[in-house]
Amino acid sequence: MEDILNQIYFDVLRGRQKEVIKGVRLALKRNIPPLSIMNGGMIAAMQEVGRLFEAEEYYVPEMLVSARAMQAGMNILKPCITTKDAHPAGKIAIGTVEGDIHDIGKNLVKMMLEGGGFEVIDLGVDVSPSIFISSVAKHHVDILAMSALITTTMTNMRPAIEQLEKSGVRHQVKVLIGGAPLTEEYAHQIGADGYAPDASRAVTTAKSLLSR
């Protein structure tokens, strides 16, 4: 069992997508519990990817191929994990704000969050404040994650937070923002709960928000 999980771990770490798929299928065939495969093989590997990124030993391309390898394995694994068995770290709705159609950064953050054990609802791009707000009740999310890549669209984050307050659901959810033009200071200015400068730190920031 340990040998198979270790191989999955290293294949995710190296971004070897085909090998991860083979490893997950073999592990299931050997009756290794799906949660053990997920936690011991893939989530553990993505935690190490995050550490390597923060240590500047991995960069965005390496992080991206590892995240894609993890996702390929999760696609095989998800049908085998029942709702009863699954205990996600939390539930997050993520989207690029209204007027912004960039999704590469958002997609990477989504994969890293899934690698961190979160259940992620992808709202897509050009997401209006009303869609962010409706996702709180519709999906019972713990965190709303908003992304913006350009300065002209980052200003659309504040109206979304203001509408959360007007709708009376602001207290139900934490707001996490990220994107190239954003800063910690800007997050404070608009009333967000957290700011992540990159995909790796989005995971640690999301976990810290839920522990408050």
Protein backbone atom coordinates (compact mmCIF):
# COMPACT_ATOMS: atom_id res chain seq x y z
CA MET A 1 0.00 0.00 0.00
CA GLU A 2 2.70 2.49 1.02
CA ASP A 3 4.67 1.82 -2.18
CA ILE A 4 1.69 2.65 -4.38
CA LEU A 5 0.79 5.80 -2.43
CA ASN A 6 4.43 6.95 -2.49
CA GLN A 7 4.53 6.46 -6.26
CA ILE A 8 1.33 8.49 -6.71
CA TYR A 9 2.83 11.17 -4.45
CA PHE A 10 6.00 11.45 -6.54
CA ASP A 11 4.12 11.29 -9.83
CA VAL A 12 1.91 14.20 -8.76
CA LEU A 13 4.99 16.07 -7.56
CA ARG A 14 6.61 15.61 -10.98
CA GLY A 15 3.42 16.35 -12.89
CA ARG A 16 3.30 12.93 -14.55
CA GLN A 17 -0.38 12.86 -15.43
CA LYS A 18 -0.58 9.47 -17.16
CA GLU A 19 1.34 7.78 -14.36
CA VAL A 20 -0.94 9.31 -11.73
CA ILE A 21 -4.00 7.93 -13.52
CA LYS A 22 -2.39 4.47 -13.70
CA GLY A 23 -1.36 4.66 -10.05
CA VAL A 24 -4.84 5.63 -8.84
CA ARG A 25 -6.43 2.83 -10.86
CA LEU A 26 -3.93 0.32 -9.48
CA ALA A 27 -4.52 1.53 -5.92
CA LEU A 28 -8.28 1.12 -6.32
CA LYS A 29 -7.74 -2.33 -7.82
CA ARG A 30 -5.67 -3.25 -4.73
CA ASN A 31 -8.59 -2.08 -2.55
CA ILE A 32 -6.72 0.83 -1.03
CA PRO A 33 -9.37 3.17 0.48
CA PRO A 34 -10.12 6.13 -1.81
CA LEU A 35 -9.60 8.61 1.02
CA SER A 36 -6.15 7.15 1.69
CA ILE A 37 -5.27 7.60 -1.98
CA MET A 38 -6.54 11.18 -1.94
CA ASN A 39 -4.93 12.24 1.34
CA GLY A 40 -1.76 10.17 1.34
CA GLY A 41 -1.02 10.38 -2.36
CA MET A 42 -2.41 13.55 -3.90
CA ILE A 43 -3.17 16.11 -1.21
CA ALA A 44 0.15 15.41 0.52
CA ALA A 45 1.92 15.91 -2.82
CA MET A 46 0.16 19.23 -3.48
CA GLN A 47 1.13 20.45 -0.01
CA GLU A 48 4.74 19.74 -0.95
CA VAL A 49 4.24 21.53 -4.29
CA GLY A 50 3.05 24.57 -2.33
CA ARG A 51 6.09 24.41 -0.07
CA LEU A 52 8.46 24.14 -3.03
CA PHE A 53 6.76 27.10 -4.71
CA GLU A 54 7.09 29.28 -1.63
CA ALA A 55 10.74 28.22 -1.35
CA GLU A 56 11.19 29.29 -5.00
CA GLU A 57 12.22 25.77 -6.00
CA TYR A 58 9.05 25.43 -8.10
CA TYR A 59 7.54 28.11 -10.31
CA VAL A 60 4.11 28.53 -11.93
CA PRO A 61 4.74 26.03 -14.80
CA GLU A 62 5.81 23.28 -12.38
CA MET A 63 2.92 24.04 -10.05
CA LEU A 64 0.49 23.94 -12.96
CA VAL A 65 1.58 20.54 -14.30
CA SER A 66 1.45 19.05 -10.78
CA ALA A 67 -2.03 20.48 -10.25
CA ARG A 68 -3.19 19.03 -13.58
CA ALA A 69 -1.77 15.63 -12.67
CA MET A 70 -3.57 15.77 -9.32
CA GLN A 71 -6.83 16.71 -11.05
CA ALA A 72 -6.49 13.80 -13.48
CA GLY A 73 -6.17 11.44 -10.53
CA MET A 74 -9.09 13.07 -8.72
CA ASN A 75 -11.31 12.58 -11.76
CA ILE A 76 -10.77 8.83 -11.39
CA LEU A 77 -11.17 8.93 -7.63
CA LYS A 78 -14.20 11.18 -7.09
CA PRO A 79 -16.88 8.64 -8.14
CA CYS A 80 -15.44 6.27 -5.52
CA ILE A 81 -15.70 8.74 -2.65
CA THR A 82 -19.14 8.94 -1.09
CA THR A 83 -20.53 12.12 0.44
CA LYS A 84 -20.57 10.28 3.77
CA ASP A 85 -16.85 9.53 3.55
CA ALA A 86 -15.72 12.89 2.24
CA HIS A 87 -14.75 15.55 4.76
CA PRO A 88 -13.58 18.55 2.73
CA ALA A 89 -11.52 21.26 4.37
CA GLY A 90 -14.31 23.66 3.39
CA LYS A 91 -16.40 24.75 0.45
CA ILE A 92 -15.30 27.63 -1.79
CA ALA A 93 -16.99 29.39 -4.70
CA ILE A 94 -14.43 30.95 -7.02
CA GLY A 95 -14.81 33.28 -9.97
CA THR A 96 -13.24 36.12 -11.93
CA VAL A 97 -15.07 39.38 -11.27
CA GLU A 98 -17.47 41.13 -13.59
CA GLY A 99 -15.83 42.55 -16.71
CA ASP A 100 -12.79 40.27 -16.47
CA ILE A 101 -12.55 37.20 -18.72
CA HIS A 102 -9.07 36.00 -17.66
CA ASP A 103 -9.17 32.54 -16.15
CA ILE A 104 -5.66 31.03 -16.12
CA GLY A 105 -4.86 32.31 -12.63
CA LYS A 106 -8.32 31.45 -11.36
CA ASN A 107 -8.07 27.92 -12.74
CA LEU A 108 -4.69 27.36 -11.11
CA VAL A 109 -6.02 28.60 -7.76
CA LYS A 110 -9.00 26.28 -8.14
CA MET A 111 -6.75 23.26 -8.73
CA MET A 112 -4.50 24.17 -5.82
CA LEU A 113 -7.50 24.57 -3.52
CA GLU A 114 -8.80 21.16 -4.59
CA GLY A 115 -5.32 19.80 -3.97
CA GLY A 116 -5.58 21.33 -0.50
CA GLY A 117 -8.72 19.33 0.24
CA PHE A 118 -11.36 21.98 -0.48
CA GLU A 119 -14.56 21.44 -2.42
CA VAL A 120 -14.55 24.14 -5.10
CA ILE A 121 -17.47 25.51 -7.10
CA ASP A 122 -16.19 27.26 -10.23
CA LEU A 123 -18.42 30.23 -11.10
CA GLY A 124 -16.38 31.00 -14.22
CA VAL A 125 -15.40 34.43 -15.53
CA ASP A 126 -17.18 37.80 -15.75
CA VAL A 127 -19.10 36.92 -12.58
CA SER A 128 -21.64 39.52 -11.42
CA PRO A 129 -22.09 40.42 -7.74
CA SER A 130 -25.53 38.77 -7.79
CA ILE A 131 -24.03 35.42 -8.85
CA PHE A 132 -21.39 35.60 -6.11
CA ILE A 133 -24.15 36.35 -3.59
CA SER A 134 -26.52 33.63 -4.81
CA SER A 135 -23.72 31.04 -4.52
CA VAL A 136 -23.64 31.60 -0.74
CA ALA A 137 -27.17 30.25 -0.32
CA LYS A 138 -27.20 27.92 -3.32
CA HIS A 139 -23.97 26.09 -2.51
CA HIS A 140 -23.60 26.86 1.21
CA VAL A 141 -20.04 28.00 0.69
CA ASP A 142 -17.66 29.00 3.47
CA ILE A 143 -15.52 31.27 1.28
CA LEU A 144 -16.06 33.43 -1.80
CA ALA A 145 -12.83 33.71 -3.79
CA MET A 146 -12.70 36.61 -6.26
CA SER A 147 -10.04 37.06 -8.91
CA ALA A 148 -9.10 40.05 -11.08
CA LEU A 149 -6.17 40.37 -13.46
CA ILE A 150 -6.41 44.02 -14.50
CA THR A 151 -6.78 47.29 -12.60
CA THR A 152 -9.98 48.28 -14.41
CA THR A 153 -11.83 45.20 -13.14
CA MET A 154 -10.43 44.94 -9.62
CA THR A 155 -12.73 47.82 -8.64
CA ASN A 156 -15.69 45.47 -9.22
CA MET A 157 -14.79 43.54 -6.07
CA ARG A 158 -16.00 46.26 -3.71
CA PRO A 159 -19.58 46.34 -5.13
CA ALA A 160 -19.79 42.55 -4.70
CA ILE A 161 -18.80 42.83 -1.02
CA GLU A 162 -21.19 45.74 -0.50
CA GLN A 163 -24.04 43.69 -1.99
CA LEU A 164 -23.15 40.82 0.33
CA GLU A 165 -23.67 43.21 3.23
CA LYS A 166 -26.94 44.62 1.83
CA SER A 167 -28.24 41.09 1.26
CA GLY A 168 -27.60 40.20 4.90
CA VAL A 169 -25.30 37.27 4.14
CA ARG A 170 -21.91 38.90 4.70
CA HIS A 171 -21.56 37.28 8.12
CA GLN A 172 -22.07 33.82 6.60
CA VAL A 173 -19.02 33.83 4.36
CA LYS A 174 -15.37 34.86 4.22
CA VAL A 175 -14.14 36.80 1.18
CA LEU A 176 -10.73 35.96 -0.29
CA ILE A 177 -9.31 38.03 -3.16
CA GLY A 178 -6.32 37.62 -5.46
CA GLY A 179 -4.86 38.66 -8.78
CA ALA A 180 -1.90 40.47 -10.30
CA PRO A 181 -2.84 44.10 -9.48
CA LEU A 182 -4.10 43.42 -5.93
CA THR A 183 -2.43 43.99 -2.58
CA GLU A 184 -3.04 43.26 1.08
CA GLU A 185 -3.81 46.94 1.57
CA TYR A 186 -6.47 46.88 -1.13
CA ALA A 187 -8.11 43.85 0.50
CA HIS A 188 -8.44 45.85 3.74
CA GLN A 189 -9.78 48.87 1.88
CA ILE A 190 -12.68 46.98 0.28
CA GLY A 191 -13.52 44.87 3.33
CA ALA A 192 -12.22 41.49 2.17
CA ASP A 193 -11.21 38.97 4.81
CA GLY A 194 -8.05 37.78 3.10
CA TYR A 195 -5.63 38.30 0.22
CA ALA A 196 -3.50 35.71 -1.53
CA PRO A 197 -0.61 36.84 -3.76
CA ASP A 198 -0.39 33.47 -5.52
CA ALA A 199 -2.10 30.10 -5.90
CA SER A 200 -0.04 28.37 -3.23
CA ARG A 201 -0.79 30.93 -0.58
CA ALA A 202 -4.48 30.90 -1.53
CA VAL A 203 -4.64 27.46 0.11
CA THR A 204 -2.93 28.48 3.36
CA THR A 205 -4.92 31.74 3.51
CA ALA A 206 -8.23 29.91 2.95
CA LYS A 207 -7.42 27.47 5.75
CA SER A 208 -6.49 30.31 8.09
CA LEU A 209 -9.77 32.13 7.30
CA LEU A 210 -11.78 29.08 8.31
CA SER A 211 -9.89 28.72 11.58
CA ARG A 212 -10.86 32.24 12.71
